[in-house]
Amino acid sequence: MTAQHSERGFGWTAAIVWPVPLLWGGRLLLRLVHVSRSEREVERRHEARSEMSNRNICFDGSIIQERGRPCVASWPGKYEGAWESLVSQTQRGEVSAAVVFLPWGIDDYGAHDRIALAEGLPGTCWCTPLYGEEKPWGCRWFTNWRQNIETAVESGAELEVYYFPNRVGKGKVKSFETAGDDNLQREELNSRQKDFEKSPEFKQAMDAGLGNLSKEPGADGSSQYSREVRRLFLASLSETECEFLATAEGLGNSQKAEVAWLEKKGYTYWEADVSKWLPGDGDEQYIPASAEQTQLRSQQKKASAMSLSMVPLIAPVT
């Protein structure tokens, strides 16, 4: 209709008629842009969820039921790269592992399981003997872990416990019965670090250049900055308190209870250093702790008497 008006000399009517389709076209364009942005937002959220899922891998263990098969019974979860390697090799059926990790967002996160009266342990759920008090992440993981351990033991597996680098055999608690109180004591001491970071001593350290240290996280999640802050905090404690936290290094909080449970049940396990799993140059290769012991013995036969005294053995703990 507008074309006819123009041909008949009424071109000025286009100024009245054209804004209508232009307006609707503009609205359509805005709607298309809005939809496009919404789709991009959905994609970004999906990517974010995928990234979070990759960082927080849900893992319920996987036991290969073969007699004499090495089985990872306890693992220091703070080493992210090593953890991803363990999960990957387990999913490919190359490694048997009893360890369990239930991240936030799944049904079992925050679930609590009652302790059977026959156990004779305090608390309404396993959180009490594990941590000394109920925790928001729950204790369902421990129930699943114990079931995995029983399956591994019944199948004749050789259990393995992995420690922090250069801390094999360190960081244990006296017994499973003391694990909860031990954890509460560590938490109380560690909670003081926040107050320390508000102290004049800490401000002096910052003024002296502490803040210039790298905050890039390493394999264990710590950085030059966080390690130096930790060192300064420990130095601010009493000798007894500092020694208590220092001797606790070697196993993660949950690991301490896991290892104490193995000993409570009388299960033999091998001790090993997690460093062999840490990402480095070249391909990572898993060597079971039990096989490593055999390898070390072979090396010792070729070494001198002096060298023998310097080679650390990985021995089964009973």
Protein backbone atom coordinates (compact mmCIF):
# COMPACT_ATOMS: atom_id res chain seq x y z
CA MET A 1 0.00 0.00 0.00
CA THR A 2 2.83 2.39 0.75
CA ALA A 3 4.32 1.83 -2.73
CA GLN A 4 1.02 2.81 -4.35
CA HIS A 5 0.86 6.00 -2.30
CA SER A 6 4.33 6.93 -3.43
CA GLU A 7 3.54 6.33 -7.10
CA ARG A 8 0.49 8.58 -6.84
CA GLY A 9 2.48 11.43 -5.37
CA PHE A 10 1.65 10.81 -1.77
CA GLY A 11 5.14 9.80 -0.76
CA TRP A 12 4.78 11.72 2.47
CA THR A 13 2.40 9.01 3.72
CA ALA A 14 5.36 6.66 3.92
CA ALA A 15 6.53 8.66 6.88
CA ILE A 16 3.32 7.66 8.62
CA VAL A 17 3.01 4.05 7.48
CA TRP A 18 6.65 2.80 7.49
CA PRO A 19 7.32 3.38 11.20
CA VAL A 20 4.77 0.65 12.00
CA PRO A 21 6.60 -2.23 10.29
CA LEU A 22 9.91 -0.70 11.36
CA LEU A 23 8.70 -0.70 14.95
CA TRP A 24 7.54 -4.30 14.76
CA GLY A 25 10.76 -5.26 13.00
CA GLY A 26 12.72 -3.59 15.76
CA ARG A 27 10.77 -5.49 18.38
CA LEU A 28 11.41 -8.73 16.51
CA LEU A 29 15.11 -7.90 16.32
CA LEU A 30 15.19 -7.16 20.04
CA ARG A 31 13.45 -10.46 20.76
CA LEU A 32 15.96 -12.32 18.59
CA VAL A 33 18.85 -10.59 20.37
CA HIS A 34 17.26 -11.42 23.72
CA VAL A 35 16.85 -15.09 22.75
CA SER A 36 20.41 -15.18 21.48
CA ARG A 37 21.69 -13.73 24.73
CA SER A 38 19.55 -16.18 26.72
CA GLU A 39 20.98 -19.10 24.77
CA ARG A 40 24.50 -17.85 25.39
CA GLU A 41 23.71 -17.49 29.09
CA VAL A 42 22.42 -21.07 29.20
CA GLU A 43 25.60 -22.25 27.48
CA ARG A 44 27.76 -20.33 29.94
CA ARG A 45 25.88 -21.83 32.88
CA HIS A 46 26.25 -25.30 31.39
CA GLU A 47 29.98 -24.75 30.93
CA ALA A 48 30.26 -23.49 34.50
CA ARG A 49 28.43 -26.56 35.82
CA SER A 50 30.66 -28.83 33.74
CA GLU A 51 33.76 -27.10 35.03
CA MET A 52 32.54 -27.43 38.62
CA SER A 53 31.75 -31.09 38.00
CA ASN A 54 35.26 -31.69 36.70
CA ARG A 55 36.79 -30.04 39.76
CA ASN A 56 34.51 -31.94 42.16
CA ILE A 57 34.55 -35.46 40.80
CA CYS A 58 32.01 -37.68 42.53
CA PHE A 59 33.72 -40.98 43.24
CA ASP A 60 32.29 -43.93 45.16
CA GLY A 61 35.26 -46.24 44.77
CA SER A 62 35.79 -49.20 42.47
CA ILE A 63 37.09 -52.50 43.82
CA ILE A 64 38.76 -55.02 41.51
CA GLN A 65 38.13 -58.29 43.29
CA GLU A 66 41.35 -60.21 42.68
CA ARG A 67 43.44 -61.85 45.38
CA GLY A 68 46.69 -59.99 45.91
CA ARG A 69 45.45 -57.01 43.90
CA PRO A 70 46.70 -53.66 45.32
CA CYS A 71 43.83 -51.42 46.43
CA VAL A 72 44.11 -47.73 47.33
CA ALA A 73 42.52 -47.58 50.78
CA SER A 74 43.31 -44.00 51.80
CA TRP A 75 44.20 -40.96 49.73
CA PRO A 76 45.19 -37.29 50.43
CA GLY A 77 42.53 -35.47 48.42
CA LYS A 78 44.18 -32.04 48.43
CA TYR A 79 46.46 -33.04 45.54
CA GLU A 80 44.03 -32.28 42.72
CA GLY A 81 46.19 -33.47 39.83
CA ALA A 82 46.98 -36.75 41.55
CA TRP A 83 43.31 -37.23 42.43
CA GLU A 84 42.23 -36.75 38.82
CA SER A 85 44.86 -39.26 37.73
CA LEU A 86 43.67 -41.80 40.30
CA VAL A 87 40.01 -41.43 39.30
CA SER A 88 40.86 -41.63 35.60
CA GLN A 89 42.89 -44.83 35.97
CA THR A 90 40.27 -46.36 38.24
CA GLN A 91 37.52 -45.64 35.73
CA ARG A 92 39.60 -47.35 33.06
CA GLY A 93 39.83 -50.44 35.26
CA GLU A 94 43.58 -50.06 35.78
CA VAL A 95 43.49 -49.32 39.51
CA SER A 96 41.42 -50.67 42.38
CA ALA A 97 40.40 -48.01 44.91
CA ALA A 98 38.21 -48.00 48.01
CA VAL A 99 38.38 -44.23 48.52
CA VAL A 100 35.15 -42.23 48.35
CA PHE A 101 34.44 -38.57 47.57
CA LEU A 102 30.89 -37.19 47.65
CA PRO A 103 30.91 -33.52 46.55
CA TRP A 104 28.32 -30.86 47.23
CA GLY A 105 25.29 -31.08 44.98
CA ILE A 106 24.65 -34.84 45.05
CA ASP A 107 22.03 -36.64 47.15
CA ASP A 108 24.51 -38.29 49.53
CA TYR A 109 26.26 -35.04 50.36
CA GLY A 110 25.30 -34.05 53.90
CA ALA A 111 23.76 -37.46 54.66
CA HIS A 112 24.40 -38.94 58.10
CA ASP A 113 24.44 -42.62 59.09
CA ARG A 114 23.79 -43.89 62.61
CA ILE A 115 26.40 -45.89 64.47
CA ALA A 116 25.36 -49.42 65.38
CA LEU A 117 25.18 -49.95 69.15
CA ALA A 118 27.52 -52.92 68.77
CA GLU A 119 30.34 -50.54 67.81
CA GLY A 120 30.30 -49.01 71.30
CA LEU A 121 31.19 -45.56 69.96
CA PRO A 122 29.78 -42.18 71.08
CA GLY A 123 27.58 -39.99 68.90
CA THR A 124 24.36 -40.34 66.93
CA CYS A 125 26.23 -40.60 63.62
CA TRP A 126 29.76 -41.36 62.39
CA CYS A 127 30.63 -37.65 62.33
CA THR A 128 31.33 -37.76 66.07
CA PRO A 129 34.15 -40.34 66.04
CA LEU A 130 35.45 -38.95 62.74
CA TYR A 131 35.44 -35.21 63.48
CA GLY A 132 34.27 -34.76 67.06
CA GLU A 133 31.01 -33.15 65.97
CA GLU A 134 28.43 -33.28 63.20
CA LYS A 135 29.68 -31.81 59.92
CA PRO A 136 27.64 -30.31 57.04
CA TRP A 137 29.13 -32.72 54.48
CA GLY A 138 27.93 -35.67 56.54
CA CYS A 139 29.38 -39.12 57.08
CA ARG A 140 27.72 -41.18 54.34
CA TRP A 141 31.09 -41.28 52.60
CA PHE A 142 32.52 -43.23 55.57
CA THR A 143 29.77 -45.84 55.35
CA ASN A 144 30.48 -46.34 51.65
CA TRP A 145 34.23 -46.41 52.29
CA ARG A 146 33.92 -49.09 54.99
CA GLN A 147 31.85 -51.23 52.64
CA ASN A 148 34.53 -50.87 49.97
CA ILE A 149 37.25 -51.82 52.45
CA GLU A 150 35.35 -54.94 53.50
CA THR A 151 34.91 -55.95 49.86
CA ALA A 152 38.62 -55.43 49.21
CA VAL A 153 39.69 -57.38 52.30
CA GLU A 154 37.32 -60.26 51.56
CA SER A 155 38.75 -60.52 48.05
CA GLY A 156 42.30 -60.71 49.41
CA ALA A 157 43.43 -57.26 48.26
CA GLU A 158 46.60 -55.57 49.50
CA LEU A 159 45.51 -52.25 51.00
CA GLU A 160 47.56 -49.10 50.37
CA VAL A 161 47.66 -45.81 52.28
CA TYR A 162 49.12 -42.74 50.56
CA TYR A 163 50.76 -39.94 52.53
CA PHE A 164 51.82 -36.37 51.78
CA PRO A 165 55.19 -36.13 49.98
CA ASN A 166 58.09 -37.07 52.26
CA ARG A 167 55.70 -37.77 55.16
CA VAL A 168 55.17 -41.52 54.87
CA GLY A 169 54.07 -42.96 58.20
CA LYS A 170 53.40 -39.51 59.69
CA GLY A 171 50.21 -37.75 60.74
CA LYS A 172 48.40 -40.65 62.38
CA VAL A 173 46.19 -40.33 65.45
CA LYS A 174 46.54 -42.58 68.50
CA SER A 175 43.37 -44.54 67.81
CA PHE A 176 39.99 -44.34 66.10
CA GLU A 177 38.43 -43.51 69.46
CA THR A 178 40.59 -40.38 69.78
CA ALA A 179 40.27 -39.21 66.15
CA GLY A 180 37.29 -36.92 66.82
CA ASP A 181 38.83 -35.07 69.77
CA ASP A 182 42.12 -34.85 67.89
CA ASN A 183 40.33 -33.18 64.98
CA LEU A 184 38.57 -30.66 67.23
CA GLN A 185 41.89 -29.68 68.77
CA ARG A 186 43.43 -29.10 65.33
CA GLU A 187 40.42 -27.08 64.22
CA GLU A 188 40.62 -24.88 67.32
CA LEU A 189 44.30 -24.16 66.76
CA ASN A 190 43.90 -23.57 63.04
CA SER A 191 41.00 -21.18 63.64
CA ARG A 192 43.44 -18.82 65.34
CA GLN A 193 45.16 -18.14 62.03
CA LYS A 194 42.42 -15.68 61.03
CA ASP A 195 43.07 -13.65 64.18
CA PHE A 196 46.81 -13.84 63.55
CA GLU A 197 46.31 -12.34 60.09
CA LYS A 198 44.79 -9.28 61.78
CA SER A 199 47.68 -8.87 64.21
CA PRO A 200 50.39 -6.15 64.17
CA GLU A 201 53.01 -8.86 63.55
CA PHE A 202 51.25 -9.93 60.37
CA LYS A 203 50.88 -6.32 59.22
CA GLN A 204 54.62 -5.86 59.67
CA ALA A 205 55.24 -8.94 57.54
CA MET A 206 52.96 -7.57 54.83
CA ASP A 207 54.76 -4.22 54.93
CA ALA A 208 58.05 -6.11 54.59
CA GLY A 209 56.91 -7.67 51.31
CA LEU A 210 54.95 -10.78 52.27
CA GLY A 211 52.17 -9.78 49.89
CA ASN A 212 54.60 -9.83 46.97
CA LEU A 213 54.99 -13.61 47.15
CA SER A 214 53.27 -15.66 44.47
CA LYS A 215 49.71 -16.76 45.17
CA GLU A 216 49.70 -19.26 42.32
CA PRO A 217 48.51 -22.61 43.76
CA GLY A 218 50.76 -25.64 43.46
CA ALA A 219 49.99 -29.36 43.37
CA ASP A 220 48.66 -29.34 46.94
CA GLY A 221 46.64 -26.14 46.51
CA SER A 222 49.09 -24.01 48.49
CA SER A 223 51.20 -21.12 47.21
CA GLN A 224 54.42 -19.36 48.22
CA TYR A 225 52.29 -16.77 49.96
CA SER A 226 50.04 -19.20 51.85
CA ARG A 227 52.99 -21.35 52.94
CA GLU A 228 54.84 -18.36 54.36
CA VAL A 229 51.69 -17.15 56.12
CA ARG A 230 51.33 -20.62 57.61
CA ARG A 231 54.96 -20.62 58.75
CA LEU A 232 54.55 -17.27 60.47
CA PHE A 233 51.34 -18.41 62.14
CA LEU A 234 52.94 -21.59 63.48
CA ALA A 235 55.83 -19.53 64.83
CA SER A 236 53.31 -17.45 66.79
CA LEU A 237 52.01 -20.51 68.68
CA SER A 238 53.50 -22.10 71.75
CA GLU A 239 56.06 -24.83 71.25
CA THR A 240 53.57 -27.50 72.32
CA GLU A 241 50.84 -26.23 69.99
CA CYS A 242 53.22 -25.89 67.07
CA GLU A 243 54.55 -29.42 67.59
CA PHE A 244 51.01 -30.80 67.75
CA LEU A 245 50.13 -29.33 64.34
CA ALA A 246 53.49 -30.25 62.85
CA THR A 247 53.18 -33.92 63.82
CA ALA A 248 49.69 -33.98 62.30
CA GLU A 249 51.15 -33.38 58.82
CA GLY A 250 51.16 -36.48 56.65
CA LEU A 251 47.51 -37.43 56.34
CA GLY A 252 44.37 -35.42 55.61
CA ASN A 253 41.72 -34.99 58.31
CA SER A 254 39.46 -37.76 57.02
CA GLN A 255 42.47 -39.93 56.26
CA LYS A 256 43.49 -39.93 59.90
CA ALA A 257 40.20 -41.60 60.81
CA GLU A 258 40.44 -44.00 57.85
CA VAL A 259 43.89 -45.24 58.84
CA ALA A 260 42.84 -45.46 62.50
CA TRP A 261 39.85 -47.59 61.43
CA LEU A 262 42.09 -49.95 59.44
CA GLU A 263 44.25 -50.42 62.53
CA LYS A 264 41.19 -50.84 64.76
CA LYS A 265 40.01 -53.65 62.48
CA GLY A 266 43.47 -55.19 62.37
CA TYR A 267 43.84 -54.82 58.60
CA THR A 268 47.37 -54.82 57.19
CA TYR A 269 48.23 -52.03 54.76
CA TRP A 270 51.19 -50.74 52.77
CA GLU A 271 52.40 -47.15 53.18
CA ALA A 272 53.43 -45.04 50.18
CA ASP A 273 54.25 -41.48 49.09
CA VAL A 274 51.63 -39.75 46.92
CA SER A 275 54.33 -37.85 45.01
CA LYS A 276 54.56 -40.60 42.38
CA TRP A 277 51.06 -39.56 41.29
CA LEU A 278 51.72 -35.85 41.06
CA PRO A 279 51.73 -34.37 37.53
CA GLY A 280 55.17 -33.92 36.08
CA ASP A 281 57.11 -34.22 32.87
CA GLY A 282 56.26 -37.29 30.83
CA ASP A 283 53.56 -39.86 31.35
CA GLU A 284 52.40 -40.77 34.82
CA GLN A 285 52.66 -44.43 35.72
CA TYR A 286 51.11 -46.06 38.75
CA ILE A 287 53.35 -48.44 40.70
CA PRO A 288 51.52 -50.25 43.53
CA ALA A 289 53.16 -49.82 46.92
CA SER A 290 53.51 -53.59 47.25
CA ALA A 291 55.25 -53.80 43.87
CA GLU A 292 57.44 -50.85 44.82
CA GLN A 293 58.64 -52.77 47.86
CA THR A 294 59.73 -55.65 45.63
CA GLN A 295 61.45 -53.19 43.30
CA LEU A 296 63.31 -51.59 46.20
CA ARG A 297 64.53 -54.95 47.43
CA SER A 298 65.89 -55.71 43.98
CA GLN A 299 67.71 -52.38 43.94
CA GLN A 300 69.12 -52.99 47.39
CA LYS A 301 70.84 -56.18 46.28
CA LYS A 302 72.89 -54.11 43.85
CA ALA A 303 73.61 -51.26 46.26
CA SER A 304 76.46 -50.90 48.73
CA ALA A 305 75.97 -51.32 52.46
CA MET A 306 76.05 -47.54 52.91
CA SER A 307 73.44 -47.02 50.22
CA LEU A 308 71.24 -49.64 51.81
CA SER A 309 70.96 -47.61 55.00
CA MET A 310 69.78 -44.59 53.02
CA VAL A 311 67.03 -46.24 50.95
CA PRO A 312 63.60 -45.88 52.66
CA LEU A 313 61.55 -49.05 52.67
CA ILE A 314 57.82 -49.15 52.17
CA ALA A 315 56.74 -51.79 54.64
CA PRO A 316 53.34 -53.26 55.40
CA VAL A 317 51.79 -51.98 58.62
CA THR A 318 49.97 -54.45 60.79
